[in-house]
Amino acid sequence: MKQNFKKRGQKLAKRWEKFSKRASEDSREHIQENLIERLPNARRVRLLILEWCLLVIVIISLALTQAFWYDQSYSIQAFVDGGTYTEGTIGKVNSLNPLFAVTSSEKTLSKLLFARLTTIDYSGHINVGLAESITPDDTGKVWTLKLKDNLSWSDGNPITIEDVVYTLAVIKDPSVNTIYSSDFSGVSVKATEDSVIFTLSSAYVDFPTFLDLPILPAHILAEVQPSMLLEHNFSADPITSGAFAFNATQTTNNDVEKVIYLTANPNYYKGAPMLNSFVVHTYAEKDSIIKALSTGEITASAELSSADADALPADLIYEKQTTISDGVFAFLNTGSSALSSAEVRRAIRQGIDIDQIVTEFNEKPLDYPILSSEIELNEYPAIPNYDPAAAKATIAGQATNKNIQLATVNTGYFPELVQDVAEQLTALGFTVETTIYEPDQDFLLNVIRPRNYDILIYNIGLGANPDIFTYYHSSKASVSGLNLSNYRNLVVDDLIISARSTMNETLRIAKYEAFLRHWVDDVPAIGLYQASLTYFCNRNARAFSEDNHLVFATDRFTDVDYWAVNQAKRNRTP
């Protein structure tokens, strides 16, 4: 049996071998006959062959193009979750406690780490933040605040009414000096089971703007003496409520330069941000920021001006120019001997070419200390046209002291601006001494507080509402106030108090219109231009929306939960 299978296998093997040899010989003969022997004939049909080859190439190219086109039509490059955004700032970080944020770096960190009770929304108006609602009674003196439900700190503990009451007690404590303290002078705070009730000494229609403040965690700090808050570990390692939570601080050998690492806060009341992390890199000077932007060390910065654009690579960095509710004014010290006369002040305004300044620095004109975005007035008083000849004649006849001390700070365009104003004042017949100060504590103590100037070129925040109490009420013409013109007018005082306390919008508008008529006639200040935020950002990142109306520079972080640095291909939604 085995032999029979073996013989059959041998026969099959021989047959397959013969078949293979025959197929191989037939193939060689076929190739020889139909290809090799016919190659000489290809010369006669070479054009036809070339045409067919080209046709095949075209068909393949069209197929690839169509596939690529379909892919592009139904997909886009979109920003996606993840990645790290690094912003460069100027100034020391002495504390991460948001109540003591003073420098640009500290204010940036405060906005990223801590949510507010109220906040500036995308339209530039005050709106709720952590608060669910803020409602006044009929008098405008009693306001009730309710918090949103299910709010949490970054450590998972709930944000409660007790946190709000504790924070306000700290702000009102006389041993603690914060930037919010003066807002709550004379305001009593009472907690109920589900709300906080504020009772004001007088009606104030814009009180919700005072609540644009961060709150502190009572479960961490309630047992700490208010005077010891700055020394507490919370200032270096805080529990937060904002879009990001604190992670770590890296200190360099430079006294100012630090790198503060933040991580996305999953407990943020708006939802976790798209970014995994945010880094704030502090610097001592803007030249370091220019270098860091150029090398890609940082993603963006709000510390430069348009004048720095030429020093940055345009293919890597783009510039955002966004108007904010800040005004640059020439404040005329009405208490100085050179400017005590309203006629002289009016002549100075008439003799300074504001249009030239606006054009030269490419900024938005600013005629009044009240913006249309704050309140729409029915009528604005006319400002006399530029007339240097008439102004010079008035100054020659009315000015008893023609020596002017002109001051400003060393930031942005101000050094060039003050030189421009000085030249125009000199042309009007004044002898001008110009001083440019560094914007530090010494400037506040030695220049602002004693009003050590005749004219101050300075930038002030006009805010989200038209209240000008801080800058033009007589009570603020003091070492602790910001009435930078030493302006005193009892009629104006009454108008300011009445306008900020009336709940009737029509009457309120009439009060502010009357104030502006006095302001234009008395000339305590001259509007130069509305300030803008210059923001340089890497082209591969997405920062704040161009549609946002910014009131303060830090309002750029209103939509920080949508900022992104990572991109990926995504199919289009039908």
Protein backbone atom coordinates (compact mmCIF):
# COMPACT_ATOMS: atom_id res chain seq x y z
CA MET A 1 0.00 0.00 0.00
CA LYS A 2 2.77 2.38 0.97
CA GLN A 3 4.69 1.50 -2.21
CA ASN A 4 1.66 2.33 -4.37
CA PHE A 5 1.35 5.80 -2.76
CA LYS A 6 5.05 6.36 -3.22
CA LYS A 7 4.94 5.46 -6.94
CA ARG A 8 1.93 7.70 -7.49
CA GLY A 9 3.71 10.57 -5.76
CA GLN A 10 6.79 10.15 -7.93
CA LYS A 11 4.63 10.12 -11.09
CA LEU A 12 2.87 13.35 -10.01
CA ALA A 13 6.19 15.02 -9.23
CA LYS A 14 7.56 14.11 -12.67
CA ARG A 15 4.40 15.37 -14.39
CA TRP A 16 4.59 18.71 -12.45
CA GLU A 17 8.27 19.04 -13.33
CA LYS A 18 7.53 18.49 -17.04
CA PHE A 19 4.61 20.98 -16.87
CA SER A 20 6.79 23.61 -15.20
CA LYS A 21 9.55 23.24 -17.78
CA ARG A 22 7.07 23.46 -20.62
CA ALA A 23 5.37 26.58 -19.10
CA SER A 24 8.74 28.23 -18.59
CA GLU A 25 9.79 27.56 -22.18
CA ASP A 26 6.42 28.82 -23.48
CA SER A 27 6.78 32.03 -21.40
CA ARG A 28 10.26 32.70 -22.71
CA GLU A 29 9.10 32.11 -26.26
CA HIS A 30 6.09 34.43 -25.71
CA ILE A 31 8.22 37.24 -24.23
CA GLN A 32 10.82 36.76 -26.98
CA GLU A 33 8.21 36.81 -29.72
CA ASN A 34 5.80 39.48 -28.44
CA LEU A 35 8.09 41.88 -26.56
CA ILE A 36 11.80 41.59 -27.26
CA GLU A 37 11.48 40.95 -31.03
CA ARG A 38 8.90 43.78 -31.28
CA LEU A 39 10.86 46.43 -29.35
CA PRO A 40 12.37 47.84 -32.54
CA ASN A 41 8.79 48.56 -33.70
CA ALA A 42 8.23 50.89 -30.67
CA ARG A 43 10.02 53.67 -32.49
CA ARG A 44 7.21 53.87 -34.99
CA VAL A 45 4.54 54.26 -32.24
CA ARG A 46 6.57 56.16 -29.66
CA LEU A 47 4.22 59.18 -29.75
CA LEU A 48 1.23 56.97 -29.10
CA ILE A 49 3.02 55.35 -26.15
CA LEU A 50 3.96 58.75 -24.77
CA GLU A 51 0.34 59.93 -25.04
CA TRP A 52 -0.92 56.90 -23.17
CA CYS A 53 1.70 57.39 -20.43
CA LEU A 54 0.74 61.03 -20.07
CA LEU A 55 -2.94 60.11 -19.94
CA VAL A 56 -2.27 57.64 -17.15
CA ILE A 57 -0.29 60.27 -15.21
CA VAL A 58 -3.10 62.82 -15.63
CA ILE A 59 -5.72 60.33 -14.44
CA ILE A 60 -3.65 59.45 -11.37
CA SER A 61 -3.01 63.15 -10.61
CA LEU A 62 -6.70 64.00 -10.90
CA ALA A 63 -7.58 61.14 -8.59
CA LEU A 64 -5.05 62.31 -6.00
CA THR A 65 -6.21 65.95 -6.33
CA GLN A 66 -9.84 64.95 -5.90
CA ALA A 67 -9.00 62.92 -2.80
CA PHE A 68 -7.02 65.84 -1.37
CA TRP A 69 -9.82 68.31 -2.19
CA TYR A 70 -12.44 66.16 -0.52
CA ASP A 71 -10.20 65.85 2.53
CA GLN A 72 -9.78 69.64 2.73
CA SER A 73 -13.47 70.31 2.11
CA TYR A 74 -14.68 68.17 4.95
CA SER A 75 -11.95 68.84 7.52
CA ILE A 76 -10.34 71.86 9.16
CA GLN A 77 -7.46 72.65 11.49
CA ALA A 78 -9.09 73.37 14.84
CA PHE A 79 -7.84 74.20 18.31
CA VAL A 80 -8.20 71.30 20.72
CA ASP A 81 -7.74 70.66 24.42
CA GLY A 82 -4.31 70.43 26.00
CA GLY A 83 -1.01 72.25 25.94
CA THR A 84 0.64 75.03 27.93
CA TYR A 85 0.27 78.78 27.38
CA THR A 86 3.06 81.00 28.74
CA GLU A 87 2.59 84.74 29.25
CA GLY A 88 5.37 87.18 30.07
CA THR A 89 4.73 89.93 32.61
CA ILE A 90 6.72 92.72 34.25
CA GLY A 91 7.00 93.19 37.99
CA LYS A 92 7.67 91.24 41.16
CA VAL A 93 5.35 88.67 42.64
CA ASN A 94 5.46 89.35 46.36
CA SER A 95 2.22 87.52 47.15
CA LEU A 96 -0.36 85.32 45.43
CA ASN A 97 -3.07 86.58 47.78
CA PRO A 98 -5.38 88.42 45.33
CA LEU A 99 -6.35 91.14 47.82
CA PHE A 100 -2.78 92.44 47.72
CA ALA A 101 -2.17 92.30 43.97
CA VAL A 102 -0.34 95.49 42.97
CA THR A 103 2.16 94.75 40.19
CA SER A 104 1.18 93.71 36.66
CA SER A 105 2.42 90.18 37.38
CA GLU A 106 0.35 89.92 40.55
CA LYS A 107 -2.79 91.27 38.86
CA THR A 108 -2.39 88.74 36.04
CA LEU A 109 -2.08 85.86 38.50
CA SER A 110 -4.99 87.14 40.57
CA LYS A 111 -7.26 87.09 37.51
CA LEU A 112 -6.16 83.60 36.48
CA LEU A 113 -6.36 82.05 39.95
CA PHE A 114 -9.43 83.69 41.48
CA ALA A 115 -12.98 84.12 40.21
CA ARG A 116 -14.91 87.28 41.14
CA LEU A 117 -18.34 87.82 42.65
CA THR A 118 -19.10 90.03 39.66
CA THR A 119 -17.07 90.37 36.51
CA ILE A 120 -16.74 92.38 33.31
CA ASP A 121 -18.47 90.42 30.55
CA TYR A 122 -17.75 90.23 26.82
CA SER A 123 -19.69 93.47 26.18
CA GLY A 124 -17.64 95.45 28.71
CA HIS A 125 -20.45 95.70 31.27
CA ILE A 126 -20.59 94.42 34.82
CA ASN A 127 -22.24 91.03 35.13
CA VAL A 128 -22.46 88.18 37.61
CA GLY A 129 -19.52 85.88 38.25
CA LEU A 130 -19.68 83.62 41.29
CA ALA A 131 -22.84 85.52 42.21
CA GLU A 132 -26.16 84.22 40.94
CA SER A 133 -27.82 87.62 41.39
CA ILE A 134 -27.28 91.06 42.96
CA THR A 135 -30.47 93.02 43.48
CA PRO A 136 -31.13 96.45 45.07
CA ASP A 137 -34.13 97.61 47.05
CA ASP A 138 -36.12 100.65 45.93
CA THR A 139 -33.76 103.07 47.69
CA GLY A 140 -30.54 101.76 46.16
CA LYS A 141 -29.03 101.49 49.65
CA VAL A 142 -29.63 97.79 50.34
CA TRP A 143 -28.24 95.15 47.96
CA THR A 144 -28.75 91.39 48.24
CA LEU A 145 -26.26 88.92 46.80
CA LYS A 146 -26.90 85.23 46.19
CA LEU A 147 -24.22 82.76 45.11
CA LYS A 148 -24.50 80.23 42.32
CA ASP A 149 -25.14 76.64 43.35
CA ASN A 150 -22.42 73.96 43.52
CA LEU A 151 -19.40 76.27 43.57
CA SER A 152 -16.11 74.71 44.66
CA TRP A 153 -12.57 75.71 45.56
CA SER A 154 -9.72 74.00 43.76
CA ASP A 155 -9.32 71.66 46.76
CA GLY A 156 -12.92 70.48 46.39
CA ASN A 157 -14.39 72.35 49.35
CA PRO A 158 -17.57 74.34 48.61
CA ILE A 159 -17.51 78.12 48.09
CA THR A 160 -20.03 79.49 50.56
CA ILE A 161 -21.61 82.62 51.96
CA GLU A 162 -19.13 82.33 54.84
CA ASP A 163 -16.25 82.85 52.38
CA VAL A 164 -17.84 86.07 51.11
CA VAL A 165 -18.48 87.42 54.60
CA TYR A 166 -14.97 86.50 55.74
CA THR A 167 -13.35 88.21 52.74
CA LEU A 168 -15.31 91.42 53.25
CA ALA A 169 -14.42 91.41 56.97
CA VAL A 170 -10.74 91.27 55.97
CA ILE A 171 -11.19 94.09 53.44
CA LYS A 172 -12.90 96.28 56.04
CA ASP A 173 -10.35 95.51 58.78
CA PRO A 174 -8.36 98.70 59.55
CA SER A 175 -5.16 96.66 60.01
CA VAL A 176 -5.33 95.50 56.39
CA ASN A 177 -4.79 97.88 53.49
CA THR A 178 -6.07 96.47 50.21
CA ILE A 179 -7.02 98.07 46.90
CA TYR A 180 -10.66 97.29 47.77
CA SER A 181 -10.79 98.76 51.28
CA SER A 182 -12.04 102.25 50.39
CA ASP A 183 -14.97 100.83 48.38
CA PHE A 184 -16.53 99.30 51.50
CA SER A 185 -16.05 102.14 53.93
CA GLY A 186 -19.42 102.69 55.60
CA VAL A 187 -20.90 99.49 54.11
CA SER A 188 -22.33 96.97 56.56
CA VAL A 189 -22.39 93.29 55.67
CA LYS A 190 -24.87 90.77 57.02
CA ALA A 191 -25.20 87.08 56.17
CA THR A 192 -28.45 85.15 55.99
CA GLU A 193 -28.88 81.46 55.28
CA ASP A 194 -28.52 81.82 51.52
CA SER A 195 -27.46 85.42 50.83
CA VAL A 196 -25.31 88.39 51.81
CA ILE A 197 -27.00 91.73 52.48
CA PHE A 198 -25.03 94.96 51.97
CA THR A 199 -26.35 98.14 53.53
CA LEU A 200 -24.80 101.34 52.17
CA SER A 201 -24.66 104.68 53.95
CA SER A 202 -26.04 106.29 50.77
CA ALA A 203 -27.56 104.97 47.57
CA TYR A 204 -25.11 103.90 44.88
CA VAL A 205 -26.50 102.65 41.58
CA ASP A 206 -23.20 101.12 40.43
CA PHE A 207 -22.51 99.18 43.64
CA PRO A 208 -22.11 95.83 41.75
CA THR A 209 -18.84 97.17 40.32
CA PHE A 210 -17.44 97.13 43.88
CA LEU A 211 -18.11 93.39 43.97
CA ASP A 212 -15.71 92.76 41.09
CA LEU A 213 -13.35 91.31 43.68
CA PRO A 214 -11.90 87.89 44.49
CA ILE A 215 -12.85 86.07 47.68
CA LEU A 216 -10.69 84.11 50.10
CA PRO A 217 -11.29 80.58 51.45
CA ALA A 218 -12.54 80.88 55.02
CA HIS A 219 -11.87 77.21 55.67
CA ILE A 220 -8.15 77.93 55.19
CA LEU A 221 -7.76 81.46 56.58
CA ALA A 222 -10.55 82.08 59.11
CA GLU A 223 -8.24 81.50 62.09
CA VAL A 224 -5.48 83.76 60.74
CA GLN A 225 -5.18 87.30 62.07
CA PRO A 226 -5.90 89.72 59.18
CA SER A 227 -2.65 91.57 59.85
CA MET A 228 -0.77 88.29 59.33
CA LEU A 229 -2.34 87.31 56.01
CA LEU A 230 0.63 88.35 53.91
CA GLU A 231 2.93 86.13 55.97
CA HIS A 232 0.64 83.10 55.77
CA ASN A 233 1.57 80.19 53.48
CA PHE A 234 -1.54 80.98 51.42
CA SER A 235 0.40 83.87 49.83
CA ALA A 236 2.83 81.34 48.34
CA ASP A 237 0.57 78.30 47.82
CA PRO A 238 -3.08 79.37 47.52
CA ILE A 239 -6.31 77.41 47.19
CA THR A 240 -8.07 78.99 44.19
CA SER A 241 -11.46 79.48 42.54
CA GLY A 242 -10.46 80.66 39.06
CA ALA A 243 -9.80 78.89 35.77
CA PHE A 244 -6.44 77.64 37.06
CA ALA A 245 -5.04 76.22 40.25
CA PHE A 246 -1.58 76.91 41.65
CA ASN A 247 1.06 74.25 40.99
CA ALA A 248 4.58 75.50 41.72
CA THR A 249 6.96 78.47 41.61
CA GLN A 250 10.42 78.36 40.11
CA THR A 251 12.76 81.08 41.33
CA THR A 252 15.78 82.19 39.31
CA ASN A 253 18.88 84.02 40.52
CA ASN A 254 17.18 87.25 39.46
CA ASP A 255 15.32 89.11 42.23
CA VAL A 256 12.32 89.77 39.96
CA GLU A 257 12.23 86.89 37.50
CA LYS A 258 10.07 83.94 38.51
CA VAL A 259 8.18 81.21 36.69
CA ILE A 260 4.78 80.40 38.22
CA TYR A 261 3.16 77.17 37.02
CA LEU A 262 -0.63 76.81 37.04
CA THR A 263 -2.80 73.83 36.15
CA ALA A 264 -6.35 73.69 34.83
CA ASN A 265 -8.92 73.87 37.63
CA PRO A 266 -11.61 71.19 37.01
CA ASN A 267 -13.79 72.90 39.67
CA TYR A 268 -13.95 76.23 37.85
CA TYR A 269 -17.56 77.43 37.75
CA LYS A 270 -17.46 77.91 33.96
CA GLY A 271 -15.97 74.45 33.42
CA ALA A 272 -12.36 73.34 33.03
CA PRO A 273 -10.38 75.40 30.48
CA MET A 274 -9.09 73.94 27.22
CA LEU A 275 -5.47 74.48 28.28
CA ASN A 276 -3.85 71.89 30.51
CA SER A 277 -1.67 74.51 32.13
CA PHE A 278 -0.80 78.19 32.17
CA VAL A 279 2.62 79.64 33.01
CA VAL A 280 3.30 83.21 34.10
CA HIS A 281 6.94 84.20 33.56
CA THR A 282 7.83 87.46 35.27
CA TYR A 283 10.60 89.75 34.01
CA ALA A 284 12.31 92.90 35.20
CA GLU A 285 12.26 94.74 31.86
CA LYS A 286 10.57 94.66 28.49
CA ASP A 287 13.77 93.87 26.55
CA SER A 288 13.78 90.45 28.20
CA ILE A 289 10.16 89.92 27.09
CA ILE A 290 11.02 90.88 23.49
CA LYS A 291 13.80 88.30 23.48
CA ALA A 292 11.57 85.63 25.06
CA LEU A 293 8.80 86.22 22.48
CA SER A 294 11.28 86.10 19.60
CA THR A 295 12.78 82.79 20.72
CA GLY A 296 9.44 81.17 21.59
CA GLU A 297 10.25 81.01 25.30
CA ILE A 298 6.86 82.60 26.02
CA THR A 299 3.61 82.53 24.04
CA ALA A 300 2.42 86.10 24.54
CA SER A 301 2.72 89.32 26.52
CA ALA A 302 0.66 92.43 27.24
CA GLU A 303 3.65 94.41 28.50
CA LEU A 304 4.86 95.90 25.20
CA SER A 305 3.67 98.74 22.97
CA SER A 306 3.23 98.99 19.21
CA ALA A 307 6.62 100.69 19.08
CA ASP A 308 8.18 97.30 19.91
CA ALA A 309 6.62 95.53 16.90
CA ASP A 310 9.69 96.02 14.69
CA ALA A 311 11.84 94.13 17.21
CA LEU A 312 9.66 91.01 16.93
CA PRO A 313 9.56 88.42 14.09
CA ALA A 314 6.34 89.10 12.16
CA ASP A 315 6.20 85.52 10.83
CA LEU A 316 6.04 84.17 14.41
CA ILE A 317 4.26 86.90 16.41
CA TYR A 318 1.14 88.90 15.62
CA GLU A 319 -0.12 92.07 17.31
CA LYS A 320 -3.58 92.65 18.79
CA GLN A 321 -4.54 96.28 19.40
CA THR A 322 -7.65 96.53 21.59
CA THR A 323 -9.12 99.70 23.10
CA ILE A 324 -9.68 99.56 26.86
CA SER A 325 -11.59 101.88 29.18
CA ASP A 326 -8.49 103.78 30.24
CA GLY A 327 -7.96 107.45 29.52
CA VAL A 328 -4.70 109.32 29.05
CA PHE A 329 -5.11 112.86 30.38
CA ALA A 330 -3.04 115.91 31.03
CA PHE A 331 -4.05 116.67 34.64
CA LEU A 332 -3.72 120.38 35.39
CA ASN A 333 -2.95 120.99 39.05
CA THR A 334 -5.47 123.69 39.94
CA GLY A 335 -3.72 124.17 43.25
CA SER A 336 -0.41 125.27 41.70
CA SER A 337 0.39 128.97 41.28
CA ALA A 338 0.96 128.54 37.55
CA LEU A 339 -2.44 126.98 36.85
CA SER A 340 -4.79 128.41 39.50
CA SER A 341 -6.51 130.56 36.83
CA ALA A 342 -9.26 128.83 34.84
CA GLU A 343 -8.56 131.24 31.94
CA VAL A 344 -4.95 130.05 31.74
CA ARG A 345 -6.07 126.41 31.86
CA ARG A 346 -8.58 127.03 29.07
CA ALA A 347 -5.85 128.70 27.01
CA ILE A 348 -3.54 125.70 27.48
CA ARG A 349 -6.27 123.38 26.22
CA GLN A 350 -6.90 125.68 23.25
CA GLY A 351 -3.17 125.82 22.47
CA ILE A 352 -2.44 122.07 22.47
CA ASP A 353 -3.01 120.27 19.18
CA ILE A 354 -4.82 117.12 20.37
CA ASP A 355 -5.51 115.92 16.82
CA GLN A 356 -1.78 115.86 16.12
CA ILE A 357 -1.16 113.76 19.25
CA VAL A 358 -3.93 111.30 18.39
CA THR A 359 -2.63 110.92 14.84
CA GLU A 360 1.00 110.63 15.88
CA PHE A 361 0.36 107.85 18.37
CA ASN A 362 -2.45 106.21 16.37
CA GLU A 363 -4.88 106.20 19.28
CA LYS A 364 -8.60 106.84 19.72
CA PRO A 365 -9.58 110.47 20.59
CA LEU A 366 -10.86 111.11 24.11
CA ASP A 367 -12.68 114.37 24.77
CA TYR A 368 -14.36 113.65 28.11
CA PRO A 369 -13.81 111.60 31.28
CA ILE A 370 -17.08 109.72 30.65
CA LEU A 371 -17.17 107.13 27.86
CA SER A 372 -20.17 106.38 25.66
CA SER A 373 -19.68 102.69 26.55
CA GLU A 374 -20.41 103.59 30.19
CA ILE A 375 -23.53 105.69 29.63
CA GLU A 376 -25.13 107.30 26.58
CA LEU A 377 -25.63 111.01 27.20
CA ASN A 378 -28.01 113.12 25.14
CA GLU A 379 -25.76 116.14 24.87
CA TYR A 380 -22.04 116.79 25.17
CA PRO A 381 -20.61 120.28 25.75
CA ALA A 382 -18.54 121.77 22.95
CA ILE A 383 -14.77 121.97 23.40
CA PRO A 384 -13.16 125.08 21.79
CA ASN A 385 -11.19 124.41 18.62
CA TYR A 386 -7.41 124.44 18.49
CA ASP A 387 -6.23 128.05 18.17
CA PRO A 388 -2.58 128.54 19.27
CA ALA A 389 -2.51 132.26 18.42
CA ALA A 390 -5.50 133.05 20.65
CA ALA A 391 -4.15 130.77 23.38
CA LYS A 392 -0.75 132.45 23.33
CA ALA A 393 -2.32 135.90 23.61
CA THR A 394 -4.40 134.85 26.63
CA ILE A 395 -1.40 133.30 28.37
CA ALA A 396 0.69 136.41 27.75
CA GLY A 397 -1.96 138.57 29.41
CA GLN A 398 -3.22 136.26 32.20
CA ALA A 399 -0.40 133.96 33.33
CA THR A 400 1.50 135.38 36.29
CA ASN A 401 3.77 132.34 36.58
CA LYS A 402 4.98 130.81 33.34
CA ASN A 403 7.18 128.11 34.83
CA ILE A 404 5.62 124.68 34.32
CA GLN A 405 6.70 121.41 35.92
CA LEU A 406 5.58 118.69 33.51
CA ALA A 407 5.69 115.10 34.77
CA THR A 408 4.91 111.60 33.51
CA VAL A 409 5.98 107.99 33.97
CA ASN A 410 8.40 105.91 31.93
CA THR A 411 5.97 103.56 30.24
CA GLY A 412 4.57 103.09 26.74
CA TYR A 413 4.46 106.25 24.62
CA PHE A 414 4.56 108.58 27.62
CA PRO A 415 8.19 109.78 27.26
CA GLU A 416 7.56 110.77 23.62
CA LEU A 417 4.13 112.19 24.48
CA VAL A 418 5.42 114.41 27.27
CA GLN A 419 8.15 115.75 24.98
CA ASP A 420 5.51 116.63 22.38
CA VAL A 421 3.35 118.44 24.97
CA ALA A 422 6.42 120.23 26.37
CA GLU A 423 7.29 121.61 22.92
CA GLN A 424 3.73 122.88 22.43
CA LEU A 425 3.70 124.53 25.89
CA THR A 426 7.03 126.16 25.14
CA ALA A 427 5.57 127.56 21.90
CA LEU A 428 2.74 129.07 23.99
CA GLY A 429 5.25 131.02 26.08
CA PHE A 430 5.88 128.73 29.07
CA THR A 431 9.22 127.65 30.47
CA VAL A 432 8.85 123.88 30.86
CA GLU A 433 10.80 121.51 33.10
CA THR A 434 10.10 117.89 32.17
CA THR A 435 10.58 114.95 34.54
CA ILE A 436 10.00 111.28 33.67
CA TYR A 437 9.60 108.97 36.66
CA GLU A 438 9.71 105.22 37.00
CA PRO A 439 6.21 103.87 37.79
CA ASP A 440 7.05 102.56 41.24
CA GLN A 441 6.24 103.20 44.88
CA ASP A 442 8.54 106.23 45.03
CA PHE A 443 6.53 107.88 42.25
CA LEU A 444 3.32 107.40 44.24
CA LEU A 445 4.84 108.67 47.48
CA ASN A 446 6.90 111.58 46.16
CA VAL A 447 4.91 112.79 43.15
CA ILE A 448 1.27 111.65 43.22
CA ARG A 449 0.51 112.11 46.90
CA PRO A 450 2.03 115.61 47.30
CA ARG A 451 0.88 116.58 43.76
CA ASN A 452 4.46 117.49 42.96
CA TYR A 453 3.77 118.78 39.44
CA ASP A 454 1.91 121.46 37.53
CA ILE A 455 0.81 119.14 34.73
CA LEU A 456 0.81 115.35 34.95
CA ILE A 457 0.50 113.16 31.84
CA TYR A 458 -1.03 110.01 33.25
CA ASN A 459 -3.30 107.09 32.51
CA ILE A 460 -6.37 106.37 34.65
CA GLY A 461 -8.96 103.61 34.57
CA LEU A 462 -12.39 104.94 33.66
CA GLY A 463 -14.08 101.64 34.47
CA ALA A 464 -17.33 100.05 33.32
CA ASN A 465 -19.55 102.79 34.75
CA PRO A 466 -19.54 106.61 34.53
CA ASP A 467 -18.78 107.27 38.20
CA ILE A 468 -16.04 109.94 38.33
CA PHE A 469 -16.12 110.39 42.13
CA THR A 470 -12.55 109.08 42.59
CA TYR A 471 -10.97 111.61 40.22
CA TYR A 472 -13.03 114.80 40.57
CA HIS A 473 -14.74 114.94 43.97
CA SER A 474 -13.18 117.42 46.42
CA SER A 475 -12.83 114.76 49.12
CA LYS A 476 -10.32 112.94 46.92
CA ALA A 477 -8.05 115.99 46.58
CA SER A 478 -5.86 114.63 49.35
CA VAL A 479 -2.71 112.57 49.79
CA SER A 480 -4.78 109.41 49.93
CA GLY A 481 -7.07 110.32 47.01
CA LEU A 482 -6.77 110.30 43.24
CA ASN A 483 -8.14 113.74 42.44
CA LEU A 484 -4.93 114.37 40.48
CA SER A 485 -6.00 117.92 39.53
CA ASN A 486 -6.68 119.09 43.10
CA TYR A 487 -10.03 120.05 41.61
CA ARG A 488 -12.54 121.57 44.06
CA ASN A 489 -16.01 122.67 43.02
CA LEU A 490 -18.92 122.33 45.45
CA VAL A 491 -21.51 122.31 42.66
CA VAL A 492 -19.62 119.51 40.93
CA ASP A 493 -19.41 117.60 44.24
CA ASP A 494 -23.19 117.72 44.55
CA LEU A 495 -23.67 116.62 40.93
CA ILE A 496 -21.31 113.66 41.36
CA ILE A 497 -22.98 112.46 44.57
CA SER A 498 -26.44 112.93 43.12
CA ALA A 499 -25.61 111.14 39.85
CA ARG A 500 -24.09 108.10 41.56
CA SER A 501 -27.04 107.75 43.96
CA THR A 502 -30.10 108.22 41.74
CA MET A 503 -31.82 105.13 40.38
CA ASN A 504 -33.65 107.20 37.76
CA GLU A 505 -31.67 106.86 34.53
CA THR A 506 -33.03 110.05 32.93
CA LEU A 507 -32.15 112.15 35.96
CA ARG A 508 -28.77 110.46 36.19
CA ILE A 509 -27.97 111.36 32.58
CA ALA A 510 -28.93 114.99 33.24
CA LYS A 511 -26.56 115.11 36.25
CA TYR A 512 -23.62 113.79 34.26
CA GLU A 513 -24.32 116.21 31.42
CA ALA A 514 -24.24 119.08 33.93
CA PHE A 515 -20.97 117.74 35.38
CA LEU A 516 -19.36 117.69 31.93
CA ARG A 517 -20.32 121.32 31.32
CA HIS A 518 -18.45 122.33 34.48
CA TRP A 519 -15.55 120.04 33.60
CA VAL A 520 -15.15 121.60 30.16
CA ASP A 521 -15.41 125.13 31.59
CA ASP A 522 -13.05 124.60 34.55
CA VAL A 523 -10.49 122.45 32.66
CA PRO A 524 -9.10 120.36 35.54
CA ALA A 525 -7.80 117.98 32.89
CA ILE A 526 -7.37 117.69 29.12
CA GLY A 527 -8.33 114.44 27.41
CA LEU A 528 -5.54 113.25 25.12
CA TYR A 529 -6.58 109.77 23.98
CA GLN A 530 -8.25 106.55 25.05
CA ALA A 531 -5.65 103.97 25.91
CA SER A 532 -5.41 100.57 24.24
CA LEU A 533 -3.98 97.20 25.11
CA THR A 534 -1.20 95.99 22.84
CA TYR A 535 -0.96 92.22 22.98
CA PHE A 536 1.72 90.27 21.13
CA CYS A 537 0.91 86.59 20.68
CA ASN A 538 2.39 83.56 18.93
CA ARG A 539 0.57 82.88 15.65
CA ASN A 540 0.03 79.24 16.60
CA ALA A 541 -1.98 80.13 19.73
CA ARG A 542 -5.49 81.43 20.35
CA ALA A 543 -5.90 84.16 22.98
CA PHE A 544 -8.84 86.47 23.80
CA SER A 545 -11.47 87.19 21.17
CA GLU A 546 -11.19 90.39 19.16
CA ASP A 547 -14.92 90.90 19.76
CA ASN A 548 -14.49 91.30 23.52
CA HIS A 549 -14.84 94.82 24.88
CA LEU A 550 -12.10 95.21 27.47
CA VAL A 551 -12.50 97.61 30.38
CA PHE A 552 -9.24 96.77 32.16
CA ALA A 553 -6.21 95.09 30.61
CA THR A 554 -6.75 91.97 32.74
CA ASP A 555 -10.26 91.58 31.27
CA ARG A 556 -8.50 89.81 28.41
CA PHE A 557 -8.79 86.72 30.62
CA THR A 558 -12.62 86.84 30.56
CA ASP A 559 -12.64 83.97 28.04
CA VAL A 560 -9.38 82.30 29.13
CA ASP A 561 -11.26 78.99 29.31
CA TYR A 562 -11.27 79.05 25.47
CA TRP A 563 -7.60 79.91 24.97
CA ALA A 564 -5.63 77.18 23.22
CA VAL A 565 -2.26 76.23 21.76
CA ASN A 566 -2.85 72.72 20.35
CA GLN A 567 -4.34 72.15 16.91
CA ALA A 568 -5.61 69.03 15.13
CA LYS A 569 -7.53 68.14 11.97
CA ARG A 570 -11.26 67.81 12.57
CA ASN A 571 -14.12 66.86 10.22
CA ARG A 572 -16.56 69.64 9.44
CA THR A 573 -20.04 69.43 10.90
CA PRO A 574 -22.60 69.00 8.05
